[in-house]
Amino acid sequence: MRANPETSDDFTSLGRTVLVPPDHAAFFAVLDDPPEPTPALRAAVARYRRRVVSR
């Protein structure tokens, strides 16, 4: 699959984020073992599901 030429420039213009070692470790630790959703996140998901119809 090829990138959409109309949108690919948008992502490349954002640049690159480089994480220092402690931030890198924290970022991937959360990906490996995500925390439980908070009540606020659960409420946001419920609002989203009421408003958005998946196709």
PDB file of N, CA and C in Angstrom:
ATOM      1  N   MET A   1       0.844  -1.166   0.000  1.00  0.00           N
ATOM      2  CA  MET A   1       0.000   0.000   0.000  1.00  0.00           C
ATOM      3  C   MET A   1       0.899   1.242   0.000  1.00  0.00           C
ATOM      4  N   ARG A   2       0.544   2.204  -0.809  1.00  0.00           N
ATOM      5  CA  ARG A   2       1.329   3.434  -0.902  1.00  0.00           C
ATOM      6  C   ARG A   2       0.670   4.529  -0.091  1.00  0.00           C
ATOM      7  N   ALA A   3       1.480   5.441   0.405  1.00  0.00           N
ATOM      8  CA  ALA A   3       0.957   6.570   1.171  1.00  0.00           C
ATOM      9  C   ALA A   3       0.186   7.507   0.253  1.00  0.00           C
ATOM     10  N   ASN A   4      -0.813   8.123   0.788  1.00  0.00           N
ATOM     11  CA  ASN A   4      -1.590   9.111   0.050  1.00  0.00           C
ATOM     12  C   ASN A   4      -0.713  10.345  -0.141  1.00  0.00           C
ATOM     13  N   PRO A   5      -0.400  10.743  -1.373  1.00  0.00           N
ATOM     14  CA  PRO A   5       0.493  11.880  -1.595  1.00  0.00           C
ATOM     15  C   PRO A   5      -0.064  13.188  -1.040  1.00  0.00           C
ATOM     16  N   GLU A   6      -1.387  13.274  -0.877  1.00  0.00           N
ATOM     17  CA  GLU A   6      -1.970  14.503  -0.345  1.00  0.00           C
ATOM     18  C   GLU A   6      -1.740  14.655   1.155  1.00  0.00           C
ATOM     19  N   THR A   7      -1.496  13.564   1.855  1.00  0.00           N
ATOM     20  CA  THR A   7      -1.330  13.641   3.306  1.00  0.00           C
ATOM     21  C   THR A   7       0.080  13.347   3.771  1.00  0.00           C
ATOM     22  N   SER A   8       0.905  12.736   2.943  1.00  0.00           N
ATOM     23  CA  SER A   8       2.231  12.339   3.398  1.00  0.00           C
ATOM     24  C   SER A   8       3.089  13.529   3.803  1.00  0.00           C
ATOM     25  N   ASP A   9       2.913  14.676   3.165  1.00  0.00           N
ATOM     26  CA  ASP A   9       3.695  15.852   3.531  1.00  0.00           C
ATOM     27  C   ASP A   9       3.348  16.334   4.933  1.00  0.00           C
ATOM     28  N   ASP A  10       2.106  16.151   5.356  1.00  0.00           N
ATOM     29  CA  ASP A  10       1.697  16.587   6.684  1.00  0.00           C
ATOM     30  C   ASP A  10       2.510  15.899   7.764  1.00  0.00           C
ATOM     31  N   PHE A  11       2.763  14.607   7.591  1.00  0.00           N
ATOM     32  CA  PHE A  11       3.499  13.869   8.604  1.00  0.00           C
ATOM     33  C   PHE A  11       4.984  14.179   8.568  1.00  0.00           C
ATOM     34  N   THR A  12       5.530  14.339   7.400  1.00  0.00           N
ATOM     35  CA  THR A  12       6.956  14.618   7.315  1.00  0.00           C
ATOM     36  C   THR A  12       7.279  16.013   7.830  1.00  0.00           C
ATOM     37  N   SER A  13       6.328  16.928   7.767  1.00  0.00           N
ATOM     38  CA  SER A  13       6.585  18.277   8.255  1.00  0.00           C
ATOM     39  C   SER A  13       6.608  18.343   9.776  1.00  0.00           C
ATOM     40  N   LEU A  14       6.117  17.308  10.439  1.00  0.00           N
ATOM     41  CA  LEU A  14       6.101  17.303  11.904  1.00  0.00           C
ATOM     42  C   LEU A  14       7.486  17.063  12.487  1.00  0.00           C
ATOM     43  N   GLY A  15       8.373  16.533  11.694  1.00  0.00           N
ATOM     44  CA  GLY A  15       9.720  16.276  12.174  1.00  0.00           C
ATOM     45  C   GLY A  15       9.809  14.944  12.897  1.00  0.00           C
ATOM     46  N   ARG A  16      10.851  14.806  13.663  1.00  0.00           N
ATOM     47  CA  ARG A  16      11.127  13.553  14.344  1.00  0.00           C
ATOM     48  C   ARG A  16      11.286  13.826  15.832  1.00  0.00           C
ATOM     49  N   THR A  17      10.701  12.986  16.647  1.00  0.00           N
ATOM     50  CA  THR A  17      10.831  13.114  18.088  1.00  0.00           C
ATOM     51  C   THR A  17      11.873  12.112  18.562  1.00  0.00           C
ATOM     52  N   VAL A  18      12.874  12.602  19.249  1.00  0.00           N
ATOM     53  CA  VAL A  18      13.920  11.739  19.792  1.00  0.00           C
ATOM     54  C   VAL A  18      13.754  11.710  21.300  1.00  0.00           C
ATOM     55  N   LEU A  19      13.642  10.516  21.849  1.00  0.00           N
ATOM     56  CA  LEU A  19      13.476  10.367  23.290  1.00  0.00           C
ATOM     57  C   LEU A  19      14.812  10.097  23.961  1.00  0.00           C
ATOM     58  N   VAL A  20      15.027  10.756  25.088  1.00  0.00           N
ATOM     59  CA  VAL A  20      16.219  10.449  25.891  1.00  0.00           C
ATOM     60  C   VAL A  20      15.969   9.110  26.573  1.00  0.00           C
ATOM     61  N   PRO A  21      17.014   8.404  26.997  1.00  0.00           N
ATOM     62  CA  PRO A  21      16.832   7.049  27.531  1.00  0.00           C
ATOM     63  C   PRO A  21      15.751   6.891  28.607  1.00  0.00           C
ATOM     64  N   PRO A  22      15.651   7.770  29.619  1.00  0.00           N
ATOM     65  CA  PRO A  22      14.577   7.560  30.606  1.00  0.00           C
ATOM     66  C   PRO A  22      13.174   7.674  29.997  1.00  0.00           C
ATOM     67  N   ASP A  23      12.991   8.617  29.062  1.00  0.00           N
ATOM     68  CA  ASP A  23      11.688   8.766  28.412  1.00  0.00           C
ATOM     69  C   ASP A  23      11.393   7.568  27.506  1.00  0.00           C
ATOM     70  N   HIS A  24      12.415   7.080  26.827  1.00  0.00           N
ATOM     71  CA  HIS A  24      12.271   5.909  25.969  1.00  0.00           C
ATOM     72  C   HIS A  24      11.811   4.715  26.802  1.00  0.00           C
ATOM     73  N   ALA A  25      12.441   4.506  27.929  1.00  0.00           N
ATOM     74  CA  ALA A  25      12.093   3.380  28.806  1.00  0.00           C
ATOM     75  C   ALA A  25      10.663   3.516  29.325  1.00  0.00           C
ATOM     76  N   ALA A  26      10.288   4.721  29.748  1.00  0.00           N
ATOM     77  CA  ALA A  26       8.932   4.942  30.278  1.00  0.00           C
ATOM     78  C   ALA A  26       7.890   4.732  29.194  1.00  0.00           C
ATOM     79  N   PHE A  27       8.150   5.235  27.996  1.00  0.00           N
ATOM     80  CA  PHE A  27       7.206   5.115  26.881  1.00  0.00           C
ATOM     81  C   PHE A  27       6.928   3.648  26.565  1.00  0.00           C
ATOM     82  N   PHE A  28       7.989   2.859  26.424  1.00  0.00           N
ATOM     83  CA  PHE A  28       7.798   1.464  26.058  1.00  0.00           C
ATOM     84  C   PHE A  28       7.302   0.617  27.216  1.00  0.00           C
ATOM     85  N   ALA A  29       7.584   1.004  28.443  1.00  0.00           N
ATOM     86  CA  ALA A  29       7.042   0.285  29.599  1.00  0.00           C
ATOM     87  C   ALA A  29       5.523   0.400  29.629  1.00  0.00           C
ATOM     88  N   VAL A  30       5.000   1.580  29.305  1.00  0.00           N
ATOM     89  CA  VAL A  30       3.549   1.774  29.283  1.00  0.00           C
ATOM     90  C   VAL A  30       2.922   1.005  28.124  1.00  0.00           C
ATOM     91  N   LEU A  31       3.607   0.928  26.997  1.00  0.00           N
ATOM     92  CA  LEU A  31       3.082   0.134  25.882  1.00  0.00           C
ATOM     93  C   LEU A  31       3.040  -1.351  26.241  1.00  0.00           C
ATOM     94  N   ASP A  32       4.074  -1.820  26.940  1.00  0.00           N
ATOM     95  CA  ASP A  32       4.142  -3.233  27.306  1.00  0.00           C
ATOM     96  C   ASP A  32       3.142  -3.608  28.394  1.00  0.00           C
ATOM     97  N   ASP A  33       2.862  -2.667  29.306  1.00  0.00           N
ATOM     98  CA  ASP A  33       1.972  -2.956  30.437  1.00  0.00           C
ATOM     99  C   ASP A  33       1.121  -1.721  30.723  1.00  0.00           C
ATOM    100  N   PRO A  34       0.095  -1.486  29.906  1.00  0.00           N
ATOM    101  CA  PRO A  34      -0.702  -0.268  30.058  1.00  0.00           C
ATOM    102  C   PRO A  34      -1.479  -0.261  31.376  1.00  0.00           C
ATOM    103  N   PRO A  35      -1.697   0.932  31.932  1.00  0.00           N
ATOM    104  CA  PRO A  35      -2.480   1.023  33.164  1.00  0.00           C
ATOM    105  C   PRO A  35      -3.959   0.751  32.889  1.00  0.00           C
ATOM    106  N   GLU A  36      -4.704   0.457  33.943  1.00  0.00           N
ATOM    107  CA  GLU A  36      -6.145   0.275  33.817  1.00  0.00           C
ATOM    108  C   GLU A  36      -6.780   1.612  33.428  1.00  0.00           C
ATOM    109  N   PRO A  37      -7.845   1.590  32.646  1.00  0.00           N
ATOM    110  CA  PRO A  37      -8.509   2.844  32.270  1.00  0.00           C
ATOM    111  C   PRO A  37      -9.109   3.537  33.499  1.00  0.00           C
ATOM    112  N   THR A  38      -8.992   4.842  33.524  1.00  0.00           N
ATOM    113  CA  THR A  38      -9.555   5.627  34.617  1.00  0.00           C
ATOM    114  C   THR A  38     -11.051   5.822  34.385  1.00  0.00           C
ATOM    115  N   PRO A  39     -11.789   6.220  35.424  1.00  0.00           N
ATOM    116  CA  PRO A  39     -13.214   6.511  35.222  1.00  0.00           C
ATOM    117  C   PRO A  39     -13.438   7.582  34.146  1.00  0.00           C
ATOM    118  N   ALA A  40     -12.572   8.588  34.080  1.00  0.00           N
ATOM    119  CA  ALA A  40     -12.718   9.631  33.062  1.00  0.00           C
ATOM    120  C   ALA A  40     -12.537   9.054  31.658  1.00  0.00           C
ATOM    121  N   LEU A  41     -11.584   8.159  31.488  1.00  0.00           N
ATOM    122  CA  LEU A  41     -11.382   7.540  30.177  1.00  0.00           C
ATOM    123  C   LEU A  41     -12.571   6.658  29.808  1.00  0.00           C
ATOM    124  N   ARG A  42     -13.079   5.900  30.762  1.00  0.00           N
ATOM    125  CA  ARG A  42     -14.248   5.052  30.499  1.00  0.00           C
ATOM    126  C   ARG A  42     -15.450   5.910  30.083  1.00  0.00           C
ATOM    127  N   ALA A  43     -15.638   7.052  30.750  1.00  0.00           N
ATOM    128  CA  ALA A  43     -16.746   7.950  30.402  1.00  0.00           C
ATOM    129  C   ALA A  43     -16.549   8.524  29.003  1.00  0.00           C
ATOM    130  N   ALA A  44     -15.316   8.874  28.658  1.00  0.00           N
ATOM    131  CA  ALA A  44     -15.037   9.418  27.328  1.00  0.00           C
ATOM    132  C   ALA A  44     -15.319   8.379  26.251  1.00  0.00           C
ATOM    133  N   VAL A  45     -14.956   7.144  26.491  1.00  0.00           N
ATOM    134  CA  VAL A  45     -15.218   6.074  25.518  1.00  0.00           C
ATOM    135  C   VAL A  45     -16.720   5.862  25.367  1.00  0.00           C
ATOM    136  N   ALA A  46     -17.447   5.905  26.474  1.00  0.00           N
ATOM    137  CA  ALA A  46     -18.903   5.740  26.404  1.00  0.00           C
ATOM    138  C   ALA A  46     -19.537   6.865  25.591  1.00  0.00           C
ATOM    139  N   ARG A  47     -19.077   8.110  25.792  1.00  0.00           N
ATOM    140  CA  ARG A  47     -19.604   9.239  25.009  1.00  0.00           C
ATOM    141  C   ARG A  47     -19.278   9.053  23.538  1.00  0.00           C
ATOM    142  N   TYR A  48     -18.069   8.644  23.257  1.00  0.00           N
ATOM    143  CA  TYR A  48     -17.651   8.406  21.865  1.00  0.00           C
ATOM    144  C   TYR A  48     -18.542   7.354  21.201  1.00  0.00           C
ATOM    145  N   ARG A  49     -18.781   6.263  21.896  1.00  0.00           N
ATOM    146  CA  ARG A  49     -19.578   5.185  21.307  1.00  0.00           C
ATOM    147  C   ARG A  49     -21.019   5.607  21.064  1.00  0.00           C
ATOM    148  N   ARG A  50     -21.538   6.506  21.890  1.00  0.00           N
ATOM    149  CA  ARG A  50     -22.909   6.998  21.667  1.00  0.00           C
ATOM    150  C   ARG A  50     -22.963   7.945  20.465  1.00  0.00           C
ATOM    151  N   ARG A  51     -21.890   8.661  20.205  1.00  0.00           N
ATOM    152  CA  ARG A  51     -21.881   9.673  19.145  1.00  0.00           C
ATOM    153  C   ARG A  51     -21.431   9.162  17.790  1.00  0.00           C
ATOM    154  N   VAL A  52     -20.578   8.142  17.761  1.00  0.00           N
ATOM    155  CA  VAL A  52     -19.956   7.693  16.516  1.00  0.00           C
ATOM    156  C   VAL A  52     -20.529   6.336  16.117  1.00  0.00           C
ATOM    157  N   VAL A  53     -20.936   6.239  14.887  1.00  0.00           N
ATOM    158  CA  VAL A  53     -21.439   4.982  14.352  1.00  0.00           C
ATOM    159  C   VAL A  53     -20.320   4.359  13.526  1.00  0.00           C
ATOM    160  N   SER A  54     -19.843   3.190  13.951  1.00  0.00           N
ATOM    161  CA  SER A  54     -18.781   2.497  13.204  1.00  0.00           C
ATOM    162  C   SER A  54     -19.378   1.835  11.981  1.00  0.00           C
ATOM    163  N   ARG A  55     -18.603   1.835  10.924  1.00  0.00           N
ATOM    164  CA  ARG A  55     -19.066   1.204   9.686  1.00  0.00           C
ATOM    165  C   ARG A  55     -18.178   0.085   9.285  1.00  0.00           C
TER     166      ARG A  55
END
